[in-house]
Amino acid sequence: MELSYGETPAVRSADISLFRGEVAAITGQSGSGKSSLLYCLAGVLPAARGEVRFEGRLLGELDDEALSTLRRERFGFVFQYGELLPELTVEENTALPLRLAGHRKAPALAAAGEVLERLGLANLRDRRPSQVSGGQSQRVAVARALVHKPAVVFADEPTGSLDSANATAVLDEFLALARSQGTAVLLVTHDDQVAARADNRYTMCDGVLTAQVWEGA
């Protein structure tokens, strides 16, 4: 697979497969192409060469509407800074993927409440993002990514903005919940301790992805 921004190559060579319930980590220096690869695999950026398949379908053959539906209903996303909507409560932020997929408000909020309970956040459900800590905000982002039981969660530096104690706690909860519901996780990180928790590990350097022999958690 290859991906370029104009004349500038971001991904020059990448071959990766991800299976149900698997956690894979991509490490590398800033600018190595790892985030570009993640967004290409998620159907956000189009591959210049090669192909991305999900459940047998070629993402490059889907139109914008089909891609949007796929990302909304089958994928989840966790970003470095949570990216919660400030006007919504914790519970409403968590329920957002279900609401966008057409679920009615009451069952969507009920499902959100269950995930928040599992992550120890039930007492925060009525607060706004500005009223919770950074670690709590990232837990909410994890809840939002997993509430609709997606096939894959794409996580771009999911603990990069947290101190070590919060990073460990958030990662523990994230991976435990994902594995319990059979959701695959592809995470990009610069932190070797985070990558060590994965089942499979890859390194990105100058746009080239290399698999490592690794015994994950």
Protein backbone atom coordinates (compact mmCIF):
# COMPACT_ATOMS: atom_id res chain seq x y z
CA MET A 1 0.00 0.00 0.00
CA GLU A 2 1.17 3.51 -0.77
CA LEU A 3 -0.11 6.96 0.17
CA SER A 4 1.15 10.40 -0.84
CA TYR A 5 0.32 14.02 -0.11
CA GLY A 6 0.81 15.57 -3.52
CA GLU A 7 4.35 14.67 -4.52
CA THR A 8 5.35 13.79 -0.96
CA PRO A 9 5.13 10.07 -0.07
CA ALA A 10 3.74 9.35 3.41
CA VAL A 11 3.39 5.57 3.15
CA ARG A 12 5.75 3.83 0.74
CA SER A 13 5.25 0.19 1.66
CA ALA A 14 2.78 -1.36 4.10
CA ASP A 15 1.17 -4.77 4.39
CA ILE A 16 -0.92 -5.54 7.48
CA SER A 17 -3.85 -7.79 8.45
CA LEU A 18 -5.99 -7.41 11.55
CA PHE A 19 -8.28 -10.10 12.95
CA ARG A 20 -11.25 -10.07 15.29
CA GLY A 21 -10.25 -9.34 18.89
CA GLU A 22 -6.61 -8.72 17.96
CA VAL A 23 -4.62 -5.73 19.22
CA ALA A 24 -1.88 -4.45 16.91
CA ALA A 25 0.44 -1.53 17.60
CA ILE A 26 2.40 0.63 15.18
CA THR A 27 5.37 2.54 16.60
CA GLY A 28 7.72 4.99 14.96
CA GLN A 29 9.12 8.50 15.08
CA SER A 30 6.98 11.56 14.37
CA GLY A 31 6.59 11.94 10.61
CA SER A 32 7.29 8.28 9.90
CA GLY A 33 3.84 7.80 8.33
CA LYS A 34 2.14 5.75 11.05
CA SER A 35 -0.87 8.06 11.52
CA SER A 36 -1.25 8.40 7.75
CA LEU A 37 -1.35 4.62 7.47
CA LEU A 38 -3.97 4.38 10.22
CA TYR A 39 -6.27 6.87 8.49
CA CYS A 40 -5.76 5.12 5.18
CA LEU A 41 -6.79 1.79 6.72
CA ALA A 42 -9.82 3.50 8.28
CA GLY A 43 -10.97 4.77 4.88
CA VAL A 44 -10.38 8.41 5.78
CA LEU A 45 -7.50 8.85 3.31
CA PRO A 46 -7.44 7.06 -0.07
CA ALA A 47 -4.52 4.80 -0.93
CA ALA A 48 -2.53 5.89 -3.98
CA ARG A 49 -1.59 2.29 -4.75
CA GLY A 50 -2.59 -1.05 -3.29
CA GLU A 51 -5.85 -1.90 -1.59
CA VAL A 52 -7.60 -1.85 1.77
CA ARG A 53 -10.15 -4.58 2.42
CA PHE A 54 -12.67 -4.85 5.24
CA GLU A 55 -14.70 -8.05 5.51
CA GLY A 56 -13.95 -8.76 1.86
CA ARG A 57 -14.95 -5.33 0.56
CA LEU A 58 -12.50 -3.01 -1.16
CA LEU A 59 -12.70 0.39 0.51
CA GLY A 60 -11.47 2.03 -2.67
CA GLU A 61 -14.61 0.86 -4.50
CA LEU A 62 -17.05 2.37 -1.98
CA ASP A 63 -18.63 5.76 -2.57
CA ASP A 64 -18.54 8.52 0.06
CA GLU A 65 -21.90 7.56 1.55
CA ALA A 66 -20.95 3.89 1.91
CA LEU A 67 -17.60 4.82 3.43
CA SER A 68 -19.28 7.16 5.92
CA THR A 69 -21.73 4.44 6.90
CA LEU A 70 -18.90 1.95 7.34
CA ARG A 71 -16.89 4.30 9.56
CA ARG A 72 -19.96 5.23 11.57
CA GLU A 73 -21.33 1.74 12.15
CA ARG A 74 -18.38 -0.67 11.99
CA PHE A 75 -15.39 1.42 13.07
CA GLY A 76 -14.54 3.29 16.26
CA PHE A 77 -11.97 6.02 16.80
CA VAL A 78 -9.94 7.22 19.79
CA PHE A 79 -7.76 10.31 19.44
CA GLN A 80 -4.98 11.71 21.58
CA TYR A 81 -7.10 14.43 23.17
CA GLY A 82 -10.46 12.68 23.31
CA GLU A 83 -12.21 15.16 21.00
CA LEU A 84 -15.45 15.14 23.01
CA LEU A 85 -18.22 17.53 21.98
CA PRO A 86 -18.31 20.25 24.67
CA GLU A 87 -22.05 20.92 24.40
CA LEU A 88 -22.99 17.29 25.17
CA THR A 89 -22.89 15.48 28.49
CA VAL A 90 -20.58 12.53 29.09
CA GLU A 91 -23.50 10.17 28.53
CA GLU A 92 -24.59 11.94 25.34
CA ASN A 93 -21.03 11.93 23.98
CA THR A 94 -20.81 8.20 24.63
CA ALA A 95 -24.14 7.53 22.94
CA LEU A 96 -23.26 9.59 19.85
CA PRO A 97 -22.25 6.68 17.55
CA LEU A 98 -25.54 4.95 18.26
CA ARG A 99 -27.56 8.12 17.70
CA LEU A 100 -25.75 8.80 14.41
CA ALA A 101 -26.55 5.23 13.34
CA GLY A 102 -30.25 5.92 13.86
CA HIS A 103 -30.86 4.39 17.28
CA ARG A 104 -33.55 5.98 19.40
CA LYS A 105 -32.42 8.22 22.25
CA ALA A 106 -33.55 6.12 25.22
CA PRO A 107 -31.91 2.80 24.22
CA ALA A 108 -28.79 4.65 23.01
CA LEU A 109 -28.40 6.38 26.38
CA ALA A 110 -29.05 3.09 28.16
CA ALA A 111 -26.27 1.40 26.19
CA ALA A 112 -23.98 4.34 26.90
CA GLY A 113 -24.75 4.04 30.59
CA GLU A 114 -23.76 0.37 30.59
CA VAL A 115 -20.38 1.09 29.00
CA LEU A 116 -19.75 4.02 31.34
CA GLU A 117 -20.55 1.73 34.26
CA ARG A 118 -17.98 -0.82 33.06
CA LEU A 119 -15.36 1.92 32.84
CA GLY A 120 -16.18 3.33 36.28
CA LEU A 121 -17.68 6.53 34.89
CA ALA A 122 -21.35 6.17 35.78
CA ASN A 123 -21.17 8.99 38.32
CA LEU A 124 -19.98 11.39 35.60
CA ARG A 125 -22.72 10.77 33.05
CA ASP A 126 -24.41 14.16 33.51
CA ARG A 127 -21.22 16.24 33.45
CA ARG A 128 -19.87 18.21 30.51
CA PRO A 129 -16.37 17.50 29.14
CA SER A 130 -15.10 20.70 30.78
CA GLN A 131 -16.10 19.25 34.17
CA VAL A 132 -13.99 16.08 34.00
CA SER A 133 -10.25 15.43 34.18
CA GLY A 134 -8.02 14.52 31.25
CA GLY A 135 -7.93 10.87 32.26
CA GLN A 136 -11.70 10.78 32.68
CA SER A 137 -12.19 12.49 29.32
CA GLN A 138 -10.06 9.86 27.60
CA ARG A 139 -12.05 7.09 29.29
CA VAL A 140 -15.20 8.68 27.87
CA ALA A 141 -13.58 8.70 24.43
CA VAL A 142 -12.89 4.98 24.84
CA ALA A 143 -16.50 4.39 25.87
CA ARG A 144 -17.73 6.30 22.82
CA ALA A 145 -15.47 4.29 20.51
CA LEU A 146 -16.72 0.95 21.85
CA VAL A 147 -20.40 1.60 22.69
CA HIS A 148 -21.68 0.34 19.32
CA LYS A 149 -19.45 -2.77 19.46
CA PRO A 150 -17.48 -1.93 16.31
CA ALA A 151 -15.43 -4.46 14.40
CA VAL A 152 -12.31 -2.29 14.63
CA VAL A 153 -11.16 0.65 16.74
CA PHE A 154 -8.48 2.89 15.28
CA ALA A 155 -6.58 4.64 18.09
CA ASP A 156 -4.12 7.44 17.33
CA GLU A 157 -1.86 8.03 20.36
CA PRO A 158 -4.77 7.20 22.73
CA THR A 159 -2.67 7.79 25.87
CA GLY A 160 -0.29 10.40 24.50
CA SER A 161 -1.79 13.29 26.48
CA LEU A 162 -1.90 11.44 29.83
CA ASP A 163 0.57 10.94 32.67
CA SER A 164 1.90 7.42 33.18
CA ALA A 165 -0.61 6.41 35.87
CA ASN A 166 -3.63 7.57 33.88
CA ALA A 167 -2.19 6.16 30.67
CA THR A 168 -1.87 2.70 32.21
CA ALA A 169 -5.39 2.81 33.67
CA VAL A 170 -7.01 3.99 30.45
CA LEU A 171 -5.13 1.43 28.36
CA ASP A 172 -6.07 -1.38 30.77
CA GLU A 173 -9.76 -0.52 30.52
CA PHE A 174 -9.65 0.10 26.78
CA LEU A 175 -8.04 -3.20 25.84
CA ALA A 176 -10.01 -5.27 28.34
CA LEU A 177 -13.33 -3.98 27.04
CA ALA A 178 -12.29 -4.28 23.39
CA ARG A 179 -11.10 -7.85 23.81
CA SER A 180 -14.21 -8.83 25.79
CA GLN A 181 -16.47 -7.87 22.89
CA GLY A 182 -14.21 -9.15 20.11
CA THR A 183 -13.27 -5.73 18.77
CA ALA A 184 -9.94 -5.49 16.97
CA VAL A 185 -7.73 -2.54 17.89
CA LEU A 186 -5.11 -0.85 15.75
CA LEU A 187 -3.20 1.68 17.79
CA VAL A 188 -0.51 4.13 16.83
CA THR A 189 1.87 5.07 19.61
CA HIS A 190 5.36 6.38 20.26
CA ASP A 191 5.37 4.66 23.68
CA ASP A 192 7.06 1.25 23.80
CA GLN A 193 5.22 0.37 27.02
CA VAL A 194 1.89 0.91 25.28
CA ALA A 195 3.02 -1.10 22.25
CA ALA A 196 4.12 -3.93 24.54
CA ARG A 197 0.46 -4.57 25.40
CA ALA A 198 -0.37 -5.50 21.80
CA ASP A 199 -0.62 -8.99 20.35
CA ASN A 200 1.35 -7.90 17.29
CA ARG A 201 3.74 -5.00 16.86
CA TYR A 202 4.93 -3.09 13.80
CA THR A 203 7.48 -0.35 13.26
CA MET A 204 7.09 2.49 10.76
CA CYS A 205 10.17 4.21 9.40
CA ASP A 206 10.20 6.61 6.43
CA GLY A 207 6.85 5.29 5.28
CA VAL A 208 7.83 1.62 5.39
CA LEU A 209 5.99 -0.75 7.75
CA THR A 210 7.94 -3.65 9.25
CA ALA A 211 6.51 -6.43 11.42
CA GLN A 212 8.37 -7.31 14.61
CA VAL A 213 8.65 -10.67 16.29
CA TRP A 214 6.84 -9.88 19.50
CA GLU A 215 5.09 -11.71 22.30
CA GLY A 216 2.40 -9.27 23.43
CA ALA A 217 0.29 -9.16 26.56
